[in-house]
Amino acid sequence: MSTPAATASPDKAIQDAERDRGIPPKPDAATRAKCIRALEAISPAIVSGKEDRAVSRGRDTCGTVRSFPKDHAKQVDITRQRFSGAREFTTAQAERTLAAVRTHLCPKK
């Protein structure tokens, strides 16, 4: 007899694991576009033709918010690291990025 986990699709298993970590589902096209515009306004370099990566990092940031709900400084630091890549990314940019991600991607409570 197979278990529900054994018969679930890989995509469903990934979605369940992400949900458990506080990562929201992929946004619809309109929400995605708003988020990308907000991130580009902060720093075009964090999107720079890699929109899927920017949105993915934003979704992961929602997980950080859930993991450290009372530690804003930690949320900002992890956001700065996540979006910095090989370039300088300031704490002020990380603050704005965190706010944009929370507005456009993270589930409202």
PDB file of N, CA and C in Angstrom:
ATOM      1  N   MET A   1       0.849  -1.178   0.000  1.00  0.00           N
ATOM      2  CA  MET A   1       0.000   0.000   0.000  1.00  0.00           C
ATOM      3  C   MET A   1       0.893   1.239   0.000  1.00  0.00           C
ATOM      4  N   SER A   2       0.635   2.178  -0.879  1.00  0.00           N
ATOM      5  CA  SER A   2       1.467   3.370  -0.949  1.00  0.00           C
ATOM      6  C   SER A   2       0.905   4.454  -0.040  1.00  0.00           C
ATOM      7  N   THR A   3       1.821   5.276   0.445  1.00  0.00           N
ATOM      8  CA  THR A   3       1.425   6.372   1.315  1.00  0.00           C
ATOM      9  C   THR A   3       1.148   7.600   0.458  1.00  0.00           C
ATOM     10  N   PRO A   4       0.417   8.579   0.972  1.00  0.00           N
ATOM     11  CA  PRO A   4       0.158   9.798   0.201  1.00  0.00           C
ATOM     12  C   PRO A   4       1.454  10.480  -0.238  1.00  0.00           C
ATOM     13  N   ALA A   5       2.477  10.484   0.613  1.00  0.00           N
ATOM     14  CA  ALA A   5       3.740  11.117   0.254  1.00  0.00           C
ATOM     15  C   ALA A   5       4.399  10.402  -0.920  1.00  0.00           C
ATOM     16  N   ALA A   6       4.231   9.087  -0.966  1.00  0.00           N
ATOM     17  CA  ALA A   6       4.849   8.321  -2.044  1.00  0.00           C
ATOM     18  C   ALA A   6       4.141   8.562  -3.367  1.00  0.00           C
ATOM     19  N   THR A   7       2.874   8.895  -3.336  1.00  0.00           N
ATOM     20  CA  THR A   7       2.127   9.099  -4.569  1.00  0.00           C
ATOM     21  C   THR A   7       2.032  10.570  -4.963  1.00  0.00           C
ATOM     22  N   ALA A   8       2.432  11.470  -4.106  1.00  0.00           N
ATOM     23  CA  ALA A   8       2.383  12.898  -4.420  1.00  0.00           C
ATOM     24  C   ALA A   8       3.406  13.219  -5.499  1.00  0.00           C
ATOM     25  N   SER A   9       3.062  14.200  -6.328  1.00  0.00           N
ATOM     26  CA  SER A   9       3.992  14.599  -7.377  1.00  0.00           C
ATOM     27  C   SER A   9       5.179  15.327  -6.757  1.00  0.00           C
ATOM     28  N   PRO A  10       6.324  15.307  -7.451  1.00  0.00           N
ATOM     29  CA  PRO A  10       7.487  16.038  -6.931  1.00  0.00           C
ATOM     30  C   PRO A  10       7.189  17.520  -6.732  1.00  0.00           C
ATOM     31  N   ASP A  11       6.418  18.127  -7.660  1.00  0.00           N
ATOM     32  CA  ASP A  11       6.072  19.536  -7.512  1.00  0.00           C
ATOM     33  C   ASP A  11       5.267  19.781  -6.243  1.00  0.00           C
ATOM     34  N   LYS A  12       4.337  18.905  -5.952  1.00  0.00           N
ATOM     35  CA  LYS A  12       3.515  19.031  -4.742  1.00  0.00           C
ATOM     36  C   LYS A  12       4.382  18.894  -3.498  1.00  0.00           C
ATOM     37  N   ALA A  13       5.314  17.956  -3.517  1.00  0.00           N
ATOM     38  CA  ALA A  13       6.214  17.767  -2.376  1.00  0.00           C
ATOM     39  C   ALA A  13       7.067  19.021  -2.148  1.00  0.00           C
ATOM     40  N   ILE A  14       7.539  19.620  -3.233  1.00  0.00           N
ATOM     41  CA  ILE A  14       8.337  20.844  -3.122  1.00  0.00           C
ATOM     42  C   ILE A  14       7.478  21.973  -2.571  1.00  0.00           C
ATOM     43  N   GLN A  15       6.271  22.117  -3.096  1.00  0.00           N
ATOM     44  CA  GLN A  15       5.365  23.161  -2.610  1.00  0.00           C
ATOM     45  C   GLN A  15       5.056  22.984  -1.129  1.00  0.00           C
ATOM     46  N   ASP A  16       4.834  21.754  -0.706  1.00  0.00           N
ATOM     47  CA  ASP A  16       4.557  21.488   0.707  1.00  0.00           C
ATOM     48  C   ASP A  16       5.757  21.841   1.578  1.00  0.00           C
ATOM     49  N   ALA A  17       6.947  21.462   1.138  1.00  0.00           N
ATOM     50  CA  ALA A  17       8.160  21.770   1.906  1.00  0.00           C
ATOM     51  C   ALA A  17       8.380  23.276   1.980  1.00  0.00           C
ATOM     52  N   GLU A  18       8.167  23.964   0.870  1.00  0.00           N
ATOM     53  CA  GLU A  18       8.325  25.423   0.873  1.00  0.00           C
ATOM     54  C   GLU A  18       7.301  26.062   1.805  1.00  0.00           C
ATOM     55  N   ARG A  19       6.060  25.632   1.721  1.00  0.00           N
ATOM     56  CA  ARG A  19       5.015  26.177   2.581  1.00  0.00           C
ATOM     57  C   ARG A  19       5.385  25.993   4.057  1.00  0.00           C
ATOM     58  N   ASP A  20       5.898  24.818   4.390  1.00  0.00           N
ATOM     59  CA  ASP A  20       6.284  24.539   5.772  1.00  0.00           C
ATOM     60  C   ASP A  20       7.400  25.459   6.251  1.00  0.00           C
ATOM     61  N   ARG A  21       8.223  25.940   5.334  1.00  0.00           N
ATOM     62  CA  ARG A  21       9.320  26.855   5.671  1.00  0.00           C
ATOM     63  C   ARG A  21       8.904  28.322   5.571  1.00  0.00           C
ATOM     64  N   GLY A  22       7.635  28.573   5.229  1.00  0.00           N
ATOM     65  CA  GLY A  22       7.149  29.949   5.141  1.00  0.00           C
ATOM     66  C   GLY A  22       7.369  30.589   3.789  1.00  0.00           C
ATOM     67  N   ILE A  23       7.711  29.791   2.793  1.00  0.00           N
ATOM     68  CA  ILE A  23       7.937  30.311   1.446  1.00  0.00           C
ATOM     69  C   ILE A  23       6.611  30.261   0.696  1.00  0.00           C
ATOM     70  N   PRO A  24       6.162  31.415   0.208  1.00  0.00           N
ATOM     71  CA  PRO A  24       4.867  31.445  -0.478  1.00  0.00           C
ATOM     72  C   PRO A  24       4.942  30.788  -1.856  1.00  0.00           C
ATOM     73  N   PRO A  25       3.787  30.465  -2.419  1.00  0.00           N
ATOM     74  CA  PRO A  25       3.778  29.928  -3.780  1.00  0.00           C
ATOM     75  C   PRO A  25       4.276  30.977  -4.774  1.00  0.00           C
ATOM     76  N   LYS A  26       4.618  30.530  -5.966  1.00  0.00           N
ATOM     77  CA  LYS A  26       5.048  31.474  -7.000  1.00  0.00           C
ATOM     78  C   LYS A  26       3.916  32.465  -7.244  1.00  0.00           C
ATOM     79  N   PRO A  27       4.263  33.743  -7.378  1.00  0.00           N
ATOM     80  CA  PRO A  27       3.218  34.753  -7.554  1.00  0.00           C
ATOM     81  C   PRO A  27       2.611  34.718  -8.954  1.00  0.00           C
ATOM     82  N   ASP A  28       1.410  35.275  -9.058  1.00  0.00           N
ATOM     83  CA  ASP A  28       0.805  35.417 -10.380  1.00  0.00           C
ATOM     84  C   ASP A  28       1.577  36.491 -11.156  1.00  0.00           C
ATOM     85  N   ALA A  29       1.289  36.621 -12.434  1.00  0.00           N
ATOM     86  CA  ALA A  29       2.051  37.519 -13.308  1.00  0.00           C
ATOM     87  C   ALA A  29       2.003  38.976 -12.846  1.00  0.00           C
ATOM     88  N   ALA A  30       0.849  39.439 -12.404  1.00  0.00           N
ATOM     89  CA  ALA A  30       0.722  40.837 -11.979  1.00  0.00           C
ATOM     90  C   ALA A  30       1.530  41.108 -10.708  1.00  0.00           C
ATOM     91  N   THR A  31       1.443  40.202  -9.754  1.00  0.00           N
ATOM     92  CA  THR A  31       2.186  40.354  -8.501  1.00  0.00           C
ATOM     93  C   THR A  31       3.688  40.287  -8.770  1.00  0.00           C
ATOM     94  N   ARG A  32       4.080  39.355  -9.615  1.00  0.00           N
ATOM     95  CA  ARG A  32       5.492  39.199  -9.987  1.00  0.00           C
ATOM     96  C   ARG A  32       6.015  40.495 -10.608  1.00  0.00           C
ATOM     97  N   ALA A  33       5.245  41.076 -11.519  1.00  0.00           N
ATOM     98  CA  ALA A  33       5.662  42.311 -12.180  1.00  0.00           C
ATOM     99  C   ALA A  33       5.812  43.458 -11.182  1.00  0.00           C
ATOM    100  N   LYS A  34       4.880  43.567 -10.241  1.00  0.00           N
ATOM    101  CA  LYS A  34       4.969  44.621  -9.217  1.00  0.00           C
ATOM    102  C   LYS A  34       6.224  44.442  -8.374  1.00  0.00           C
ATOM    103  N   CYS A  35       6.506  43.209  -7.989  1.00  0.00           N
ATOM    104  CA  CYS A  35       7.680  42.936  -7.171  1.00  0.00           C
ATOM    105  C   CYS A  35       8.956  43.284  -7.943  1.00  0.00           C
ATOM    106  N   ILE A  36       9.030  42.872  -9.181  1.00  0.00           N
ATOM    107  CA  ILE A  36      10.218  43.149  -9.991  1.00  0.00           C
ATOM    108  C   ILE A  36      10.412  44.655 -10.151  1.00  0.00           C
ATOM    109  N   ARG A  37       9.336  45.392 -10.412  1.00  0.00           N
ATOM    110  CA  ARG A  37       9.454  46.855 -10.527  1.00  0.00           C
ATOM    111  C   ARG A  37       9.958  47.468  -9.222  1.00  0.00           C
ATOM    112  N   ALA A  38       9.455  46.978  -8.101  1.00  0.00           N
ATOM    113  CA  ALA A  38       9.896  47.501  -6.801  1.00  0.00           C
ATOM    114  C   ALA A  38      11.377  47.206  -6.571  1.00  0.00           C
ATOM    115  N   LEU A  39      11.817  45.994  -6.911  1.00  0.00           N
ATOM    116  CA  LEU A  39      13.225  45.633  -6.728  1.00  0.00           C
ATOM    117  C   LEU A  39      14.124  46.436  -7.666  1.00  0.00           C
ATOM    118  N   GLU A  40      13.692  46.635  -8.908  1.00  0.00           N
ATOM    119  CA  GLU A  40      14.479  47.430  -9.859  1.00  0.00           C
ATOM    120  C   GLU A  40      14.620  48.871  -9.389  1.00  0.00           C
ATOM    121  N   ALA A  41      13.598  49.403  -8.727  1.00  0.00           N
ATOM    122  CA  ALA A  41      13.663  50.765  -8.208  1.00  0.00           C
ATOM    123  C   ALA A  41      14.702  50.884  -7.095  1.00  0.00           C
ATOM    124  N   ILE A  42      14.922  49.813  -6.379  1.00  0.00           N
ATOM    125  CA  ILE A  42      15.924  49.803  -5.307  1.00  0.00           C
ATOM    126  C   ILE A  42      17.312  49.694  -5.903  1.00  0.00           C
ATOM    127  N   SER A  43      17.474  48.741  -6.812  1.00  0.00           N
ATOM    128  CA  SER A  43      18.767  48.532  -7.477  1.00  0.00           C
ATOM    129  C   SER A  43      18.533  47.674  -8.723  1.00  0.00           C
ATOM    130  N   PRO A  44      18.690  48.263  -9.900  1.00  0.00           N
ATOM    131  CA  PRO A  44      18.507  47.479 -11.127  1.00  0.00           C
ATOM    132  C   PRO A  44      19.411  46.241 -11.170  1.00  0.00           C
ATOM    133  N   ALA A  45      20.527  46.302 -10.482  1.00  0.00           N
ATOM    134  CA  ALA A  45      21.479  45.184 -10.501  1.00  0.00           C
ATOM    135  C   ALA A  45      20.919  43.922  -9.842  1.00  0.00           C
ATOM    136  N   ILE A  46      19.979  44.057  -8.919  1.00  0.00           N
ATOM    137  CA  ILE A  46      19.478  42.845  -8.264  1.00  0.00           C
ATOM    138  C   ILE A  46      18.487  42.082  -9.127  1.00  0.00           C
ATOM    139  N   VAL A  47      18.012  42.720 -10.193  1.00  0.00           N
ATOM    140  CA  VAL A  47      17.145  42.027 -11.143  1.00  0.00           C
ATOM    141  C   VAL A  47      17.941  41.733 -12.409  1.00  0.00           C
ATOM    142  N   SER A  48      18.453  42.764 -13.038  1.00  0.00           N
ATOM    143  CA  SER A  48      19.368  42.693 -14.177  1.00  0.00           C
ATOM    144  C   SER A  48      19.159  41.498 -15.109  1.00  0.00           C
ATOM    145  N   GLY A  49      17.947  41.382 -15.662  1.00  0.00           N
ATOM    146  CA  GLY A  49      17.683  40.311 -16.610  1.00  0.00           C
ATOM    147  C   GLY A  49      17.503  38.941 -15.982  1.00  0.00           C
ATOM    148  N   LYS A  50      17.555  38.869 -14.673  1.00  0.00           N
ATOM    149  CA  LYS A  50      17.408  37.592 -13.966  1.00  0.00           C
ATOM    150  C   LYS A  50      16.194  37.679 -13.047  1.00  0.00           C
ATOM    151  N   GLU A  51      15.066  37.922 -13.660  1.00  0.00           N
ATOM    152  CA  GLU A  51      13.837  38.143 -12.908  1.00  0.00           C
ATOM    153  C   GLU A  51      13.411  36.926 -12.106  1.00  0.00           C
ATOM    154  N   ASP A  52      13.536  35.739 -12.686  1.00  0.00           N
ATOM    155  CA  ASP A  52      13.158  34.526 -11.959  1.00  0.00           C
ATOM    156  C   ASP A  52      13.984  34.375 -10.687  1.00  0.00           C
ATOM    157  N   ARG A  53      15.275  34.657 -10.789  1.00  0.00           N
ATOM    158  CA  ARG A  53      16.158  34.548  -9.623  1.00  0.00           C
ATOM    159  C   ARG A  53      15.772  35.577  -8.564  1.00  0.00           C
ATOM    160  N   ALA A  54      15.473  36.806  -8.985  1.00  0.00           N
ATOM    161  CA  ALA A  54      15.089  37.848  -8.025  1.00  0.00           C
ATOM    162  C   ALA A  54      13.809  37.469  -7.288  1.00  0.00           C
ATOM    163  N   VAL A  55      12.836  36.935  -8.014  1.00  0.00           N
ATOM    164  CA  VAL A  55      11.576  36.527  -7.379  1.00  0.00           C
ATOM    165  C   VAL A  55      11.812  35.333  -6.455  1.00  0.00           C
ATOM    166  N   SER A  56      12.633  34.402  -6.887  1.00  0.00           N
ATOM    167  CA  SER A  56      12.953  33.246  -6.044  1.00  0.00           C
ATOM    168  C   SER A  56      13.624  33.689  -4.748  1.00  0.00           C
ATOM    169  N   ARG A  57      14.550  34.607  -4.851  1.00  0.00           N
ATOM    170  CA  ARG A  57      15.209  35.132  -3.646  1.00  0.00           C
ATOM    171  C   ARG A  57      14.202  35.861  -2.759  1.00  0.00           C
ATOM    172  N   GLY A  58      13.276  36.556  -3.383  1.00  0.00           N
ATOM    173  CA  GLY A  58      12.230  37.225  -2.615  1.00  0.00           C
ATOM    174  C   GLY A  58      11.358  36.228  -1.867  1.00  0.00           C
ATOM    175  N   ARG A  59      10.978  35.163  -2.546  1.00  0.00           N
ATOM    176  CA  ARG A  59      10.168  34.125  -1.885  1.00  0.00           C
ATOM    177  C   ARG A  59      10.941  33.512  -0.719  1.00  0.00           C
ATOM    178  N   ASP A  60      12.238  33.254  -0.925  1.00  0.00           N
ATOM    179  CA  ASP A  60      13.066  32.713   0.162  1.00  0.00           C
ATOM    180  C   ASP A  60      13.130  33.687   1.337  1.00  0.00           C
ATOM    181  N   THR A  61      13.117  34.979   1.034  1.00  0.00           N
ATOM    182  CA  THR A  61      13.149  35.995   2.083  1.00  0.00           C
ATOM    183  C   THR A  61      11.892  35.916   2.951  1.00  0.00           C
ATOM    184  N   CYS A  62      10.767  35.548   2.365  1.00  0.00           N
ATOM    185  CA  CYS A  62       9.549  35.352   3.163  1.00  0.00           C
ATOM    186  C   CYS A  62       9.775  34.252   4.206  1.00  0.00           C
ATOM    187  N   GLY A  63      10.524  33.225   3.826  1.00  0.00           N
ATOM    188  CA  GLY A  63      10.872  32.163   4.769  1.00  0.00           C
ATOM    189  C   GLY A  63      11.726  32.687   5.912  1.00  0.00           C
ATOM    190  N   THR A  64      12.626  33.613   5.586  1.00  0.00           N
ATOM    191  CA  THR A  64      13.465  34.232   6.618  1.00  0.00           C
ATOM    192  C   THR A  64      12.606  35.031   7.589  1.00  0.00           C
ATOM    193  N   VAL A  65      11.652  35.762   7.044  1.00  0.00           N
ATOM    194  CA  VAL A  65      10.747  36.554   7.891  1.00  0.00           C
ATOM    195  C   VAL A  65      10.008  35.634   8.850  1.00  0.00           C
ATOM    196  N   ARG A  66       9.563  34.498   8.343  1.00  0.00           N
ATOM    197  CA  ARG A  66       8.847  33.542   9.193  1.00  0.00           C
ATOM    198  C   ARG A  66       9.779  32.918  10.232  1.00  0.00           C
ATOM    199  N   SER A  67      11.022  32.643   9.833  1.00  0.00           N
ATOM    200  CA  SER A  67      11.962  31.987  10.740  1.00  0.00           C
ATOM    201  C   SER A  67      12.436  32.910  11.861  1.00  0.00           C
ATOM    202  N   PHE A  68      12.511  34.200  11.580  1.00  0.00           N
ATOM    203  CA  PHE A  68      12.999  35.173  12.565  1.00  0.00           C
ATOM    204  C   PHE A  68      11.988  36.315  12.710  1.00  0.00           C
ATOM    205  N   PRO A  69      10.775  36.023  13.164  1.00  0.00           N
ATOM    206  CA  PRO A  69       9.716  37.036  13.165  1.00  0.00           C
ATOM    207  C   PRO A  69       9.982  38.234  14.071  1.00  0.00           C
ATOM    208  N   LYS A  70      10.774  38.057  15.099  1.00  0.00           N
ATOM    209  CA  LYS A  70      11.010  39.153  16.041  1.00  0.00           C
ATOM    210  C   LYS A  70      12.419  39.727  15.924  1.00  0.00           C
ATOM    211  N   ASP A  71      13.170  39.305  14.919  1.00  0.00           N
ATOM    212  CA  ASP A  71      14.556  39.767  14.769  1.00  0.00           C
ATOM    213  C   ASP A  71      14.721  40.477  13.429  1.00  0.00           C
ATOM    214  N   HIS A  72      14.289  41.728  13.408  1.00  0.00           N
ATOM    215  CA  HIS A  72      14.335  42.508  12.175  1.00  0.00           C
ATOM    216  C   HIS A  72      15.765  42.668  11.668  1.00  0.00           C
ATOM    217  N   ALA A  73      16.706  42.869  12.568  1.00  0.00           N
ATOM    218  CA  ALA A  73      18.104  43.036  12.152  1.00  0.00           C
ATOM    219  C   ALA A  73      18.607  41.789  11.424  1.00  0.00           C
ATOM    220  N   LYS A  74      18.235  40.621  11.899  1.00  0.00           N
ATOM    221  CA  LYS A  74      18.628  39.364  11.249  1.00  0.00           C
ATOM    222  C   LYS A  74      17.956  39.253   9.875  1.00  0.00           C
ATOM    223  N   GLN A  75      16.682  39.618   9.797  1.00  0.00           N
ATOM    224  CA  GLN A  75      15.983  39.599   8.511  1.00  0.00           C
ATOM    225  C   GLN A  75      16.704  40.485   7.496  1.00  0.00           C
ATOM    226  N   VAL A  76      17.095  41.674   7.929  1.00  0.00           N
ATOM    227  CA  VAL A  76      17.792  42.610   7.034  1.00  0.00           C
ATOM    228  C   VAL A  76      19.148  42.053   6.623  1.00  0.00           C
ATOM    229  N   ASP A  77      19.884  41.512   7.573  1.00  0.00           N
ATOM    230  CA  ASP A  77      21.215  40.985   7.259  1.00  0.00           C
ATOM    231  C   ASP A  77      21.133  39.820   6.272  1.00  0.00           C
ATOM    232  N   ILE A  78      20.217  38.914   6.487  1.00  0.00           N
ATOM    233  CA  ILE A  78      20.074  37.774   5.571  1.00  0.00           C
ATOM    234  C   ILE A  78      19.609  38.262   4.195  1.00  0.00           C
ATOM    235  N   THR A  79      18.718  39.237   4.169  1.00  0.00           N
ATOM    236  CA  THR A  79      18.269  39.811   2.897  1.00  0.00           C
ATOM    237  C   THR A  79      19.445  40.450   2.169  1.00  0.00           C
ATOM    238  N   ARG A  80      20.271  41.179   2.881  1.00  0.00           N
ATOM    239  CA  ARG A  80      21.455  41.811   2.274  1.00  0.00           C
ATOM    240  C   ARG A  80      22.360  40.753   1.669  1.00  0.00           C
ATOM    241  N   GLN A  81      22.620  39.694   2.403  1.00  0.00           N
ATOM    242  CA  GLN A  81      23.474  38.621   1.895  1.00  0.00           C
ATOM    243  C   GLN A  81      22.844  37.927   0.687  1.00  0.00           C
ATOM    244  N   ARG A  82      21.561  37.673   0.774  1.00  0.00           N
ATOM    245  CA  ARG A  82      20.862  36.936  -0.286  1.00  0.00           C
ATOM    246  C   ARG A  82      20.856  37.711  -1.603  1.00  0.00           C
ATOM    247  N   PHE A  83      20.687  39.014  -1.542  1.00  0.00           N
ATOM    248  CA  PHE A  83      20.578  39.814  -2.760  1.00  0.00           C
ATOM    249  C   PHE A  83      21.895  40.448  -3.199  1.00  0.00           C
ATOM    250  N   SER A  84      22.938  40.341  -2.405  1.00  0.00           N
ATOM    251  CA  SER A  84      24.178  41.056  -2.734  1.00  0.00           C
ATOM    252  C   SER A  84      24.932  40.444  -3.900  1.00  0.00           C
ATOM    253  N   GLY A  85      24.977  39.119  -3.982  1.00  0.00           N
ATOM    254  CA  GLY A  85      25.768  38.500  -5.045  1.00  0.00           C
ATOM    255  C   GLY A  85      27.218  38.938  -4.932  1.00  0.00           C
ATOM    256  N   ALA A  86      27.805  39.294  -6.043  1.00  0.00           N
ATOM    257  CA  ALA A  86      29.215  39.680  -6.066  1.00  0.00           C
ATOM    258  C   ALA A  86      29.387  41.191  -5.996  1.00  0.00           C
ATOM    259  N   ARG A  87      28.336  41.925  -5.712  1.00  0.00           N
ATOM    260  CA  ARG A  87      28.433  43.384  -5.673  1.00  0.00           C
ATOM    261  C   ARG A  87      28.056  43.901  -4.284  1.00  0.00           C
ATOM    262  N   GLU A  88      28.376  45.130  -4.071  1.00  0.00           N
ATOM    263  CA  GLU A  88      28.045  45.783  -2.806  1.00  0.00           C
ATOM    264  C   GLU A  88      26.536  46.010  -2.731  1.00  0.00           C
ATOM    265  N   PHE A  89      25.961  45.651  -1.628  1.00  0.00           N
ATOM    266  CA  PHE A  89      24.531  45.843  -1.393  1.00  0.00           C
ATOM    267  C   PHE A  89      24.412  46.361   0.021  1.00  0.00           C
ATOM    268  N   THR A  90      23.949  47.583   0.168  1.00  0.00           N
ATOM    269  CA  THR A  90      23.957  48.239   1.469  1.00  0.00           C
ATOM    270  C   THR A  90      22.823  47.757   2.371  1.00  0.00           C
ATOM    271  N   THR A  91      22.971  48.059   3.630  1.00  0.00           N
ATOM    272  CA  THR A  91      21.922  47.739   4.601  1.00  0.00           C
ATOM    273  C   THR A  91      20.652  48.508   4.267  1.00  0.00           C
ATOM    274  N   ALA A  92      20.793  49.759   3.818  1.00  0.00           N
ATOM    275  CA  ALA A  92      19.616  50.549   3.435  1.00  0.00           C
ATOM    276  C   ALA A  92      18.886  49.894   2.261  1.00  0.00           C
ATOM    277  N   GLN A  93      19.632  49.391   1.284  1.00  0.00           N
ATOM    278  CA  GLN A  93      19.007  48.692   0.167  1.00  0.00           C
ATOM    279  C   GLN A  93      18.337  47.409   0.654  1.00  0.00           C
ATOM    280  N   ALA A  94      18.962  46.723   1.585  1.00  0.00           N
ATOM    281  CA  ALA A  94      18.381  45.495   2.134  1.00  0.00           C
ATOM    282  C   ALA A  94      17.077  45.805   2.873  1.00  0.00           C
ATOM    283  N   GLU A  95      17.042  46.899   3.614  1.00  0.00           N
ATOM    284  CA  GLU A  95      15.812  47.317   4.311  1.00  0.00           C
ATOM    285  C   GLU A  95      14.691  47.534   3.303  1.00  0.00           C
ATOM    286  N   ARG A  96      14.987  48.254   2.234  1.00  0.00           N
ATOM    287  CA  ARG A  96      13.979  48.543   1.210  1.00  0.00           C
ATOM    288  C   ARG A  96      13.563  47.265   0.481  1.00  0.00           C
ATOM    289  N   THR A  97      14.528  46.393   0.224  1.00  0.00           N
ATOM    290  CA  THR A  97      14.235  45.122  -0.444  1.00  0.00           C
ATOM    291  C   THR A  97      13.326  44.265   0.427  1.00  0.00           C
ATOM    292  N   LEU A  98      13.650  44.180   1.700  1.00  0.00           N
ATOM    293  CA  LEU A  98      12.819  43.417   2.634  1.00  0.00           C
ATOM    294  C   LEU A  98      11.395  43.961   2.646  1.00  0.00           C
ATOM    295  N   ALA A  99      11.253  45.274   2.682  1.00  0.00           N
ATOM    296  CA  ALA A  99       9.920  45.886   2.681  1.00  0.00           C
ATOM    297  C   ALA A  99       9.171  45.566   1.384  1.00  0.00           C
ATOM    298  N   ALA A 100       9.855  45.634   0.249  1.00  0.00           N
ATOM    299  CA  ALA A 100       9.220  45.344  -1.038  1.00  0.00           C
ATOM    300  C   ALA A 100       8.776  43.891  -1.112  1.00  0.00           C
ATOM    301  N   VAL A 101       9.629  42.996  -0.659  1.00  0.00           N
ATOM    302  CA  VAL A 101       9.299  41.569  -0.681  1.00  0.00           C
ATOM    303  C   VAL A 101       8.112  41.288   0.237  1.00  0.00           C
ATOM    304  N   ARG A 102       8.131  41.868   1.412  1.00  0.00           N
ATOM    305  CA  ARG A 102       7.015  41.650   2.347  1.00  0.00           C
ATOM    306  C   ARG A 102       5.708  42.174   1.754  1.00  0.00           C
ATOM    307  N   THR A 103       5.779  43.305   1.061  1.00  0.00           N
ATOM    308  CA  THR A 103       4.593  43.887   0.459  1.00  0.00           C
ATOM    309  C   THR A 103       4.046  43.053  -0.692  1.00  0.00           C
ATOM    310  N   HIS A 104       4.930  42.561  -1.541  1.00  0.00           N
ATOM    311  CA  HIS A 104       4.488  41.927  -2.782  1.00  0.00           C
ATOM    312  C   HIS A 104       4.460  40.408  -2.762  1.00  0.00           C
ATOM    313  N   LEU A 105       5.253  39.761  -1.922  1.00  0.00           N
ATOM    314  CA  LEU A 105       5.360  38.311  -2.007  1.00  0.00           C
ATOM    315  C   LEU A 105       4.937  37.552  -0.750  1.00  0.00           C
ATOM    316  N   CYS A 106       5.232  38.095   0.408  1.00  0.00           N
ATOM    317  CA  CYS A 106       4.965  37.352   1.633  1.00  0.00           C
ATOM    318  C   CYS A 106       3.468  37.337   1.948  1.00  0.00           C
ATOM    319  N   PRO A 107       2.982  36.211   2.419  1.00  0.00           N
ATOM    320  CA  PRO A 107       1.544  36.109   2.751  1.00  0.00           C
ATOM    321  C   PRO A 107       1.174  37.101   3.847  1.00  0.00           C
ATOM    322  N   LYS A 108       0.031  37.690   3.695  1.00  0.00           N
ATOM    323  CA  LYS A 108      -0.481  38.616   4.720  1.00  0.00           C
ATOM    324  C   LYS A 108      -1.119  37.792   5.825  1.00  0.00           C
ATOM    325  N   LYS A 109      -0.938  38.232   7.047  1.00  0.00           N
ATOM    326  CA  LYS A 109      -1.530  37.509   8.189  1.00  0.00           C
ATOM    327  C   LYS A 109      -2.780  38.177   8.640  1.00  0.00           C
TER     328      LYS A 109
END
